[in-house]
Amino acid sequence: MLLQTVRPNIVQAIRAYRVEDLMHAAQDAGQHFLYANLTEAQSKQDVLEGIAQAFLFPAHFGKNLDALHDCMTDLVHKSGAQPGFVVVLEQLPDNAKFDREVREQLLDVFREAADYWADRKVQFRCFYSFQ
């Protein structure tokens, strides 16, 4: 029910949603739930490493934004039909090493992934919060 109130292909602040509720909503909808708690991350590299570990990316993940895009789109697409995604990036850093520009570049990758999956009629919702 919760996911019915959120556009199907969007990247947005988590706001009043609780991670646990989003996880249950993804399970109820039969969608993948991808969660990364980035509390310890301080830099772009830390964030990419945290996402790679949390999302179980392959060992050869390049730890850059292009590689992140490839993992969130092509790599997953090639593995077969997908039921949809609920992604949570919790506690993105907000400091000099991970400023607004870097944060927007990261979120742009997830926006592009949302567009990619929308083109394939697959729901992709990404929620994020800041430290």
C-alpha atoms as a PDB file:
ATOM      1  CA  MET A   1       0.000   0.000   0.000  1.00  0.00           C
ATOM      2  CA  LEU A   2       2.817   2.416   0.902  1.00  0.00           C
ATOM      3  CA  LEU A   3       4.405   2.240  -2.559  1.00  0.00           C
ATOM      4  CA  GLN A   4       1.128   3.151  -4.228  1.00  0.00           C
ATOM      5  CA  THR A   5       1.502   6.664  -2.780  1.00  0.00           C
ATOM      6  CA  VAL A   6       4.944   7.167  -4.369  1.00  0.00           C
ATOM      7  CA  ARG A   7       5.539   7.684  -8.087  1.00  0.00           C
ATOM      8  CA  PRO A   8       6.967   4.492  -9.610  1.00  0.00           C
ATOM      9  CA  ASN A   9      10.279   5.880 -10.921  1.00  0.00           C
ATOM     10  CA  ILE A  10      11.633   8.555  -8.631  1.00  0.00           C
ATOM     11  CA  VAL A  11      14.566   9.622  -6.479  1.00  0.00           C
ATOM     12  CA  GLN A  12      13.470  11.563  -3.411  1.00  0.00           C
ATOM     13  CA  ALA A  13      14.318  12.395   0.188  1.00  0.00           C
ATOM     14  CA  ILE A  14      13.080   9.749   2.604  1.00  0.00           C
ATOM     15  CA  ARG A  15      11.152  12.372   4.611  1.00  0.00           C
ATOM     16  CA  ALA A  16       8.479  10.772   6.770  1.00  0.00           C
ATOM     17  CA  TYR A  17       9.018   7.245   5.453  1.00  0.00           C
ATOM     18  CA  ARG A  18      10.646   4.738   7.746  1.00  0.00           C
ATOM     19  CA  VAL A  19      13.242   2.322   6.385  1.00  0.00           C
ATOM     20  CA  GLU A  20      11.462  -0.635   7.941  1.00  0.00           C
ATOM     21  CA  ASP A  21       8.168   0.356   6.285  1.00  0.00           C
ATOM     22  CA  LEU A  22       9.872   0.713   2.898  1.00  0.00           C
ATOM     23  CA  MET A  23      11.494  -2.704   3.324  1.00  0.00           C
ATOM     24  CA  HIS A  24       8.138  -4.324   4.114  1.00  0.00           C
ATOM     25  CA  ALA A  25       6.468  -2.494   1.223  1.00  0.00           C
ATOM     26  CA  ALA A  26       9.137  -3.786  -1.174  1.00  0.00           C
ATOM     27  CA  GLN A  27       8.679  -7.322   0.148  1.00  0.00           C
ATOM     28  CA  ASP A  28       4.893  -7.079  -0.135  1.00  0.00           C
ATOM     29  CA  ALA A  29       5.254  -5.868  -3.744  1.00  0.00           C
ATOM     30  CA  GLY A  30       7.790  -8.601  -4.551  1.00  0.00           C
ATOM     31  CA  GLN A  31      10.466  -6.007  -5.353  1.00  0.00           C
ATOM     32  CA  HIS A  32      14.179  -5.891  -4.573  1.00  0.00           C
ATOM     33  CA  PHE A  33      15.037  -3.896  -1.438  1.00  0.00           C
ATOM     34  CA  LEU A  34      18.518  -2.380  -1.588  1.00  0.00           C
ATOM     35  CA  TYR A  35      19.692  -0.641   1.575  1.00  0.00           C
ATOM     36  CA  ALA A  36      22.947   1.155   2.351  1.00  0.00           C
ATOM     37  CA  ASN A  37      23.586   2.770   5.711  1.00  0.00           C
ATOM     38  CA  LEU A  38      26.316   5.315   4.987  1.00  0.00           C
ATOM     39  CA  THR A  39      26.730   6.745   8.496  1.00  0.00           C
ATOM     40  CA  GLU A  40      30.476   6.034   8.497  1.00  0.00           C
ATOM     41  CA  ALA A  41      31.103   7.435   5.007  1.00  0.00           C
ATOM     42  CA  GLN A  42      32.883  10.769   4.742  1.00  0.00           C
ATOM     43  CA  SER A  43      33.925  10.967   1.075  1.00  0.00           C
ATOM     44  CA  LYS A  44      32.684  10.013  -2.382  1.00  0.00           C
ATOM     45  CA  GLN A  45      34.966   6.971  -2.305  1.00  0.00           C
ATOM     46  CA  ASP A  46      33.552   5.927   1.090  1.00  0.00           C
ATOM     47  CA  VAL A  47      29.997   6.279  -0.224  1.00  0.00           C
ATOM     48  CA  LEU A  48      30.726   4.230  -3.351  1.00  0.00           C
ATOM     49  CA  GLU A  49      32.442   1.523  -1.293  1.00  0.00           C
ATOM     50  CA  GLY A  50      29.539   1.468   1.164  1.00  0.00           C
ATOM     51  CA  ILE A  51      26.992   1.113  -1.636  1.00  0.00           C
ATOM     52  CA  ALA A  52      29.075  -1.589  -3.352  1.00  0.00           C
ATOM     53  CA  GLN A  53      29.287  -3.634  -0.143  1.00  0.00           C
ATOM     54  CA  ALA A  54      25.655  -3.165   0.827  1.00  0.00           C
ATOM     55  CA  PHE A  55      24.312  -3.971  -2.657  1.00  0.00           C
ATOM     56  CA  LEU A  56      26.729  -6.904  -3.139  1.00  0.00           C
ATOM     57  CA  PHE A  57      28.325  -5.519  -6.295  1.00  0.00           C
ATOM     58  CA  PRO A  58      30.910  -7.746  -7.987  1.00  0.00           C
ATOM     59  CA  ALA A  59      34.525  -7.586  -6.809  1.00  0.00           C
ATOM     60  CA  HIS A  60      35.545  -5.874 -10.059  1.00  0.00           C
ATOM     61  CA  PHE A  61      33.280  -2.845  -9.299  1.00  0.00           C
ATOM     62  CA  GLY A  62      35.299   0.202 -10.354  1.00  0.00           C
ATOM     63  CA  LYS A  63      34.195   2.437  -7.442  1.00  0.00           C
ATOM     64  CA  ASN A  64      33.291   5.372  -9.668  1.00  0.00           C
ATOM     65  CA  LEU A  65      29.996   6.855 -10.821  1.00  0.00           C
ATOM     66  CA  ASP A  66      30.126   5.200 -14.251  1.00  0.00           C
ATOM     67  CA  ALA A  67      30.610   1.794 -12.656  1.00  0.00           C
ATOM     68  CA  LEU A  68      27.763   2.527 -10.234  1.00  0.00           C
ATOM     69  CA  HIS A  69      25.508   3.354 -13.184  1.00  0.00           C
ATOM     70  CA  ASP A  70      26.500   0.138 -14.955  1.00  0.00           C
ATOM     71  CA  CYS A  71      25.789  -1.948 -11.851  1.00  0.00           C
ATOM     72  CA  MET A  72      22.392  -0.320 -11.266  1.00  0.00           C
ATOM     73  CA  THR A  73      21.316  -0.731 -14.894  1.00  0.00           C
ATOM     74  CA  ASP A  74      23.076  -2.962 -17.461  1.00  0.00           C
ATOM     75  CA  LEU A  75      24.468  -5.559 -15.083  1.00  0.00           C
ATOM     76  CA  VAL A  76      21.102  -6.069 -13.397  1.00  0.00           C
ATOM     77  CA  HIS A  77      19.187  -5.920 -16.693  1.00  0.00           C
ATOM     78  CA  LYS A  78      21.368  -8.672 -18.164  1.00  0.00           C
ATOM     79  CA  SER A  79      20.565 -10.956 -15.214  1.00  0.00           C
ATOM     80  CA  GLY A  80      16.947 -11.290 -16.323  1.00  0.00           C
ATOM     81  CA  ALA A  81      13.500  -9.832 -15.774  1.00  0.00           C
ATOM     82  CA  GLN A  82      13.262  -7.583 -12.723  1.00  0.00           C
ATOM     83  CA  PRO A  83      10.242  -7.110 -10.428  1.00  0.00           C
ATOM     84  CA  GLY A  84      11.106  -3.568  -9.321  1.00  0.00           C
ATOM     85  CA  PHE A  85      13.382  -1.825  -6.839  1.00  0.00           C
ATOM     86  CA  VAL A  86      13.159   0.095  -3.605  1.00  0.00           C
ATOM     87  CA  VAL A  87      16.563   1.635  -2.845  1.00  0.00           C
ATOM     88  CA  VAL A  88      17.443   3.414   0.398  1.00  0.00           C
ATOM     89  CA  LEU A  89      20.630   5.456   0.806  1.00  0.00           C
ATOM     90  CA  GLU A  90      20.581   6.350   4.469  1.00  0.00           C
ATOM     91  CA  GLN A  91      22.791   9.016   6.021  1.00  0.00           C
ATOM     92  CA  LEU A  92      24.640  10.359   2.980  1.00  0.00           C
ATOM     93  CA  PRO A  93      27.463  12.588   4.226  1.00  0.00           C
ATOM     94  CA  ASP A  94      27.121  16.358   4.186  1.00  0.00           C
ATOM     95  CA  ASN A  95      30.633  17.774   4.530  1.00  0.00           C
ATOM     96  CA  ALA A  96      33.496  19.318   2.544  1.00  0.00           C
ATOM     97  CA  LYS A  97      34.575  15.921   1.132  1.00  0.00           C
ATOM     98  CA  PHE A  98      31.010  15.109   0.033  1.00  0.00           C
ATOM     99  CA  ASP A  99      29.461  18.467  -0.756  1.00  0.00           C
ATOM    100  CA  ARG A 100      26.241  19.312  -2.562  1.00  0.00           C
ATOM    101  CA  GLU A 101      27.816  18.985  -6.015  1.00  0.00           C
ATOM    102  CA  VAL A 102      29.177  15.486  -5.342  1.00  0.00           C
ATOM    103  CA  ARG A 103      25.888  14.460  -3.707  1.00  0.00           C
ATOM    104  CA  GLU A 104      23.917  15.647  -6.758  1.00  0.00           C
ATOM    105  CA  GLN A 105      26.261  13.733  -9.079  1.00  0.00           C
ATOM    106  CA  LEU A 106      25.607  10.574  -7.059  1.00  0.00           C
ATOM    107  CA  LEU A 107      21.850  11.141  -6.997  1.00  0.00           C
ATOM    108  CA  ASP A 108      21.927  11.821 -10.755  1.00  0.00           C
ATOM    109  CA  VAL A 109      23.188   8.255 -11.251  1.00  0.00           C
ATOM    110  CA  PHE A 110      20.135   6.991  -9.377  1.00  0.00           C
ATOM    111  CA  ARG A 111      17.874   9.351 -11.355  1.00  0.00           C
ATOM    112  CA  GLU A 112      19.328   7.956 -14.571  1.00  0.00           C
ATOM    113  CA  ALA A 113      18.761   4.432 -13.253  1.00  0.00           C
ATOM    114  CA  ALA A 114      15.131   5.338 -12.492  1.00  0.00           C
ATOM    115  CA  ASP A 115      14.727   6.573 -16.089  1.00  0.00           C
ATOM    116  CA  TYR A 116      16.451   3.465 -17.441  1.00  0.00           C
ATOM    117  CA  TRP A 117      14.066   1.174 -15.564  1.00  0.00           C
ATOM    118  CA  ALA A 118      11.046   3.331 -16.422  1.00  0.00           C
ATOM    119  CA  ASP A 119      11.842   2.774 -20.103  1.00  0.00           C
ATOM    120  CA  ARG A 120      11.645  -0.948 -19.363  1.00  0.00           C
ATOM    121  CA  LYS A 121       8.382  -0.612 -17.388  1.00  0.00           C
ATOM    122  CA  VAL A 122      10.120  -1.566 -14.122  1.00  0.00           C
ATOM    123  CA  GLN A 123       9.491   0.447 -10.961  1.00  0.00           C
ATOM    124  CA  PHE A 124      12.595   2.004  -9.358  1.00  0.00           C
ATOM    125  CA  ARG A 125      12.180   4.142  -6.271  1.00  0.00           C
ATOM    126  CA  CYS A 126      15.208   5.568  -4.486  1.00  0.00           C
ATOM    127  CA  PHE A 127      14.994   7.273  -1.094  1.00  0.00           C
ATOM    128  CA  TYR A 128      17.856   9.095   0.606  1.00  0.00           C
ATOM    129  CA  SER A 129      18.670  10.955   3.811  1.00  0.00           C
ATOM    130  CA  PHE A 130      21.607  13.027   5.030  1.00  0.00           C
ATOM    131  CA  GLN A 131      23.796  12.862   8.123  1.00  0.00           C
END
